[in-house]
Amino acid sequence: MKRTLSAVEARKKLGEILEGVYYRGDEVVIERAGKPMAVVIPARLYENIERTRRRFWELVEASWEKNKDVPFKVIQAEVDEAVKEVRRERRRQSAK
């Protein structure tokens, strides 16, 4: 269950929040003056997010390394063509 609590309420109910997050997979947004300040999520979800983030940066770094000697204009032209192809494919899919 996703819910939002004020910081004061979260402080009073920390034990309850932790149990809900751990046992039910709750996600709790903690606000101060109506502004989201933090989110309490299950540790397994956080670990998945971290794993995904690490993998993303590994792919970015591998791409940088692979393309370090390729001129920017060549990379830009390839990216532009890839974007056009995706847009053509989406138009084809939406026309069906």
Protein backbone atom coordinates (compact mmCIF):
# COMPACT_ATOMS: atom_id res chain seq x y z
CA MET A 1 0.00 0.00 0.00
CA LYS A 2 1.28 3.45 -0.87
CA ARG A 3 0.58 6.22 1.60
CA THR A 4 1.79 9.64 2.66
CA LEU A 5 2.52 10.80 6.19
CA SER A 6 3.78 13.99 7.75
CA ALA A 7 7.22 13.85 9.36
CA VAL A 8 5.62 14.23 12.81
CA GLU A 9 3.22 11.36 12.15
CA ALA A 10 6.05 9.21 10.76
CA ARG A 11 8.14 9.83 13.87
CA LYS A 12 5.25 8.72 16.08
CA LYS A 13 4.53 5.62 14.00
CA LEU A 14 8.02 4.53 12.93
CA GLY A 15 7.64 0.98 14.22
CA GLU A 16 4.30 0.55 12.47
CA ILE A 17 5.72 1.99 9.25
CA LEU A 18 8.72 -0.35 9.31
CA GLU A 19 6.50 -3.40 9.88
CA GLY A 20 4.19 -2.39 7.02
CA VAL A 21 7.12 -1.83 4.70
CA TYR A 22 8.81 -5.10 5.64
CA TYR A 23 5.83 -7.44 5.85
CA ARG A 24 3.35 -5.95 3.35
CA GLY A 25 5.67 -4.13 0.97
CA ASP A 26 4.18 -0.72 1.81
CA GLU A 27 5.76 2.40 0.34
CA VAL A 28 5.51 5.49 2.54
CA VAL A 29 6.17 9.07 1.45
CA ILE A 30 7.19 11.31 4.33
CA GLU A 31 6.35 14.98 3.93
CA ARG A 32 7.25 18.14 5.78
CA ALA A 33 5.01 21.16 5.18
CA GLY A 34 3.37 19.27 2.31
CA LYS A 35 6.70 18.71 0.53
CA PRO A 36 7.89 15.12 -0.04
CA MET A 37 11.16 14.69 1.86
CA ALA A 38 11.79 10.93 1.81
CA VAL A 39 10.29 7.59 0.88
CA VAL A 40 10.49 4.42 2.95
CA ILE A 41 10.48 1.35 0.70
CA PRO A 42 11.18 -2.35 1.22
CA ALA A 43 14.89 -3.21 1.26
CA ARG A 44 14.44 -5.71 -1.60
CA LEU A 45 12.96 -2.95 -3.80
CA TYR A 46 15.83 -0.63 -2.92
CA GLU A 47 18.33 -3.40 -3.76
CA ASN A 48 16.64 -3.88 -7.15
CA ILE A 49 16.82 -0.16 -7.83
CA GLU A 50 20.52 -0.09 -6.90
CA ARG A 51 21.26 -3.13 -9.08
CA THR A 52 19.46 -1.49 -12.02
CA ARG A 53 21.31 1.79 -11.44
CA ARG A 54 24.69 0.03 -11.35
CA ARG A 55 23.90 -1.89 -14.53
CA PHE A 56 22.79 1.29 -16.29
CA TRP A 57 26.08 3.04 -15.48
CA GLU A 58 28.07 -0.04 -16.53
CA LEU A 59 26.34 0.14 -19.92
CA VAL A 60 26.93 3.89 -20.18
CA GLU A 61 30.62 3.48 -19.37
CA ALA A 62 30.95 0.60 -21.85
CA SER A 63 29.32 2.76 -24.51
CA TRP A 64 31.67 5.65 -23.75
CA GLU A 65 34.66 3.34 -24.01
CA LYS A 66 33.45 1.74 -27.23
CA ASN A 67 32.82 5.13 -28.85
CA LYS A 68 35.70 7.16 -27.45
CA ASP A 69 37.36 7.48 -30.87
CA VAL A 70 34.18 8.05 -32.86
CA PRO A 71 33.58 11.68 -33.90
CA PHE A 72 30.61 13.37 -32.23
CA LYS A 73 28.95 14.09 -35.60
CA VAL A 74 28.93 10.38 -36.46
CA ILE A 75 27.39 9.46 -33.10
CA GLN A 76 24.79 12.23 -33.43
CA ALA A 77 23.83 11.06 -36.92
CA GLU A 78 23.38 7.49 -35.69
CA VAL A 79 21.30 8.62 -32.72
CA ASP A 80 19.13 10.80 -34.98
CA GLU A 81 18.54 7.87 -37.33
CA ALA A 82 17.68 5.55 -34.44
CA VAL A 83 15.16 8.08 -33.09
CA LYS A 84 13.56 8.42 -36.53
CA GLU A 85 13.29 4.63 -36.84
CA VAL A 86 11.61 4.31 -33.43
CA ARG A 87 9.15 7.06 -34.35
CA ARG A 88 8.36 5.37 -37.69
CA GLU A 89 7.76 2.09 -35.89
CA ARG A 90 5.47 3.76 -33.34
CA ARG A 91 3.48 5.39 -36.13
CA ARG A 92 3.14 1.99 -37.83
CA GLN A 93 1.98 0.42 -34.57
CA SER A 94 -0.57 3.15 -33.84
CA ALA A 95 -1.95 2.95 -37.41
CA LYS A 96 -2.90 -0.71 -36.90
